[in-house]
Amino acid sequence: MSDLKVPDQLPDAQKLYAMSLVAKMKDQADKCGARFIGGFIAPDGERFIMSNMEEDDPNYIIPDNLQ
């Protein structure tokens, strides 16, 4: 028997689509050498954020409702 753990519920298709969209935006910013912070709050309240910036960068600003 395998020790592989399968989650009870996988994220729904909309959440996966939103996550992939944010990841694609970050990838494009990386290719252009641009700084990026992006994300969303899912209807269930889960927050998803991606960035290519260091947290100590003074321009690394995340709105209070996403922290």
N, C-alpha and C. Protein backbone atom coordinates (compact mmCIF):
# COMPACT_ATOMS: atom_id res chain seq x y z
N MET A 1 0.84 -1.19 0.00
CA MET A 1 0.00 0.00 0.00
C MET A 1 0.88 1.25 0.00
N SER A 2 0.48 2.25 -0.72
CA SER A 2 1.25 3.48 -0.88
C SER A 2 0.97 4.46 0.26
N ASP A 3 1.98 5.28 0.58
CA ASP A 3 1.82 6.33 1.59
C ASP A 3 1.34 7.63 0.96
N LEU A 4 0.98 7.58 -0.32
CA LEU A 4 0.51 8.76 -1.02
C LEU A 4 -0.79 9.26 -0.40
N LYS A 5 -0.83 10.54 -0.09
CA LYS A 5 -2.03 11.13 0.52
C LYS A 5 -2.77 11.92 -0.56
N VAL A 6 -4.03 11.63 -0.74
CA VAL A 6 -4.87 12.31 -1.71
C VAL A 6 -5.82 13.22 -0.94
N PRO A 7 -5.87 14.50 -1.29
CA PRO A 7 -6.79 15.40 -0.58
C PRO A 7 -8.23 14.97 -0.77
N ASP A 8 -9.05 15.27 0.24
CA ASP A 8 -10.46 14.94 0.17
C ASP A 8 -11.17 15.69 -0.95
N GLN A 9 -10.72 16.91 -1.18
CA GLN A 9 -11.38 17.74 -2.19
C GLN A 9 -10.33 18.52 -2.95
N LEU A 10 -10.34 18.44 -4.24
CA LEU A 10 -9.43 19.22 -5.06
C LEU A 10 -10.03 20.59 -5.33
N PRO A 11 -9.17 21.60 -5.53
CA PRO A 11 -9.71 22.93 -5.84
C PRO A 11 -10.59 22.86 -7.09
N ASP A 12 -11.62 23.65 -7.10
CA ASP A 12 -12.51 23.63 -8.27
C ASP A 12 -11.84 24.24 -9.49
N ALA A 13 -12.45 24.03 -10.63
CA ALA A 13 -11.86 24.45 -11.90
C ALA A 13 -11.64 25.96 -11.97
N GLN A 14 -12.54 26.76 -11.42
CA GLN A 14 -12.38 28.22 -11.45
C GLN A 14 -11.16 28.65 -10.65
N LYS A 15 -10.97 28.04 -9.49
CA LYS A 15 -9.82 28.41 -8.66
C LYS A 15 -8.52 28.01 -9.36
N LEU A 16 -8.49 26.82 -9.96
CA LEU A 16 -7.30 26.39 -10.69
C LEU A 16 -7.02 27.32 -11.87
N TYR A 17 -8.07 27.74 -12.57
CA TYR A 17 -7.90 28.66 -13.69
C TYR A 17 -7.33 29.99 -13.20
N ALA A 18 -7.87 30.51 -12.10
CA ALA A 18 -7.38 31.78 -11.56
C ALA A 18 -5.92 31.66 -11.12
N MET A 19 -5.57 30.54 -10.50
CA MET A 19 -4.19 30.32 -10.07
C MET A 19 -3.26 30.28 -11.29
N SER A 20 -3.69 29.60 -12.35
CA SER A 20 -2.83 29.51 -13.54
C SER A 20 -2.71 30.86 -14.22
N LEU A 21 -3.76 31.67 -14.20
CA LEU A 21 -3.71 33.00 -14.79
C LEU A 21 -2.71 33.88 -14.05
N VAL A 22 -2.73 33.85 -12.72
CA VAL A 22 -1.77 34.64 -11.93
C VAL A 22 -0.35 34.15 -12.21
N ALA A 23 -0.17 32.84 -12.30
CA ALA A 23 1.16 32.29 -12.59
C ALA A 23 1.65 32.74 -13.97
N LYS A 24 0.76 32.76 -14.96
CA LYS A 24 1.14 33.22 -16.30
C LYS A 24 1.52 34.70 -16.29
N MET A 25 0.78 35.51 -15.53
CA MET A 25 1.12 36.93 -15.44
C MET A 25 2.49 37.11 -14.81
N LYS A 26 2.79 36.34 -13.76
CA LYS A 26 4.10 36.41 -13.11
C LYS A 26 5.19 35.99 -14.09
N ASP A 27 4.96 34.93 -14.84
CA ASP A 27 5.95 34.48 -15.82
C ASP A 27 6.24 35.56 -16.85
N GLN A 28 5.20 36.24 -17.33
CA GLN A 28 5.39 37.31 -18.30
C GLN A 28 6.17 38.47 -17.69
N ALA A 29 5.87 38.80 -16.43
CA ALA A 29 6.62 39.86 -15.75
C ALA A 29 8.09 39.46 -15.63
N ASP A 30 8.34 38.19 -15.29
CA ASP A 30 9.72 37.71 -15.19
C ASP A 30 10.45 37.87 -16.53
N LYS A 31 9.79 37.51 -17.62
CA LYS A 31 10.40 37.61 -18.95
C LYS A 31 10.73 39.05 -19.32
N CYS A 32 9.89 39.98 -18.85
CA CYS A 32 10.10 41.40 -19.17
C CYS A 32 11.01 42.10 -18.16
N GLY A 33 11.35 41.42 -17.09
CA GLY A 33 12.15 42.05 -16.05
C GLY A 33 11.34 43.00 -15.18
N ALA A 34 10.02 42.84 -15.19
CA ALA A 34 9.15 43.72 -14.40
C ALA A 34 8.86 43.11 -13.04
N ARG A 35 8.60 43.98 -12.08
CA ARG A 35 8.20 43.50 -10.75
C ARG A 35 6.73 43.13 -10.79
N PHE A 36 6.36 42.13 -9.99
CA PHE A 36 4.98 41.64 -10.04
C PHE A 36 4.51 41.18 -8.67
N ILE A 37 3.32 41.60 -8.31
CA ILE A 37 2.57 41.05 -7.19
C ILE A 37 1.14 40.89 -7.69
N GLY A 38 0.61 39.69 -7.62
CA GLY A 38 -0.74 39.46 -8.09
C GLY A 38 -1.39 38.35 -7.29
N GLY A 39 -2.69 38.33 -7.31
CA GLY A 39 -3.40 37.28 -6.60
C GLY A 39 -4.89 37.51 -6.62
N PHE A 40 -5.57 36.72 -5.79
CA PHE A 40 -7.02 36.82 -5.71
C PHE A 40 -7.48 36.24 -4.38
N ILE A 41 -8.72 36.54 -4.04
CA ILE A 41 -9.39 35.93 -2.91
C ILE A 41 -10.54 35.11 -3.48
N ALA A 42 -10.51 33.80 -3.24
CA ALA A 42 -11.55 32.90 -3.74
C ALA A 42 -12.84 33.11 -2.94
N PRO A 43 -13.97 32.70 -3.50
CA PRO A 43 -15.24 32.84 -2.78
C PRO A 43 -15.25 32.18 -1.40
N ASP A 44 -14.41 31.14 -1.22
CA ASP A 44 -14.35 30.47 0.09
C ASP A 44 -13.42 31.19 1.06
N GLY A 45 -12.83 32.33 0.63
CA GLY A 45 -11.97 33.13 1.51
C GLY A 45 -10.49 32.81 1.38
N GLU A 46 -10.14 31.78 0.64
CA GLU A 46 -8.73 31.44 0.47
C GLU A 46 -8.03 32.53 -0.34
N ARG A 47 -6.83 32.90 0.11
CA ARG A 47 -6.05 33.92 -0.58
C ARG A 47 -4.93 33.24 -1.35
N PHE A 48 -4.67 33.72 -2.55
CA PHE A 48 -3.60 33.19 -3.38
C PHE A 48 -2.81 34.38 -3.91
N ILE A 49 -1.52 34.42 -3.60
CA ILE A 49 -0.66 35.53 -4.00
C ILE A 49 0.64 34.98 -4.57
N MET A 50 1.09 35.57 -5.67
CA MET A 50 2.40 35.25 -6.24
C MET A 50 3.13 36.56 -6.47
N SER A 51 4.45 36.51 -6.30
CA SER A 51 5.27 37.69 -6.52
C SER A 51 6.66 37.27 -6.95
N ASN A 52 7.33 38.14 -7.66
CA ASN A 52 8.74 37.91 -7.99
C ASN A 52 9.62 38.93 -7.26
N MET A 53 9.04 39.57 -6.25
CA MET A 53 9.76 40.59 -5.49
C MET A 53 10.15 40.05 -4.12
N GLU A 54 11.22 40.63 -3.58
CA GLU A 54 11.62 40.30 -2.22
C GLU A 54 10.71 41.04 -1.24
N GLU A 55 10.37 40.40 -0.14
CA GLU A 55 9.45 41.02 0.82
C GLU A 55 10.03 42.27 1.46
N ASP A 56 11.36 42.44 1.47
CA ASP A 56 11.95 43.64 2.07
C ASP A 56 12.05 44.80 1.08
N ASP A 57 11.62 44.59 -0.18
CA ASP A 57 11.56 45.65 -1.17
C ASP A 57 10.51 46.67 -0.73
N PRO A 58 10.86 47.97 -0.69
CA PRO A 58 9.88 48.97 -0.25
C PRO A 58 8.64 49.05 -1.13
N ASN A 59 8.72 48.55 -2.36
CA ASN A 59 7.57 48.54 -3.25
C ASN A 59 6.73 47.27 -3.15
N TYR A 60 7.13 46.36 -2.26
CA TYR A 60 6.38 45.13 -2.05
C TYR A 60 5.21 45.46 -1.14
N ILE A 61 4.12 45.88 -1.75
CA ILE A 61 2.96 46.34 -0.98
C ILE A 61 1.77 45.44 -1.32
N ILE A 62 1.26 44.78 -0.31
CA ILE A 62 0.07 43.94 -0.47
C ILE A 62 -1.05 44.61 0.31
N PRO A 63 -2.20 44.79 -0.30
CA PRO A 63 -3.32 45.43 0.42
C PRO A 63 -3.62 44.71 1.73
N ASP A 64 -4.06 45.48 2.71
CA ASP A 64 -4.33 44.92 4.03
C ASP A 64 -5.28 43.72 3.99
N ASN A 65 -6.28 43.74 3.12
CA ASN A 65 -7.24 42.65 3.09
C ASN A 65 -6.66 41.36 2.52
N LEU A 66 -5.46 41.42 1.94
CA LEU A 66 -4.82 40.21 1.44
C LEU A 66 -3.74 39.68 2.38
N GLN A 67 -3.46 40.40 3.44
CA GLN A 67 -2.42 39.95 4.37
C GLN A 67 -2.96 39.03 5.43
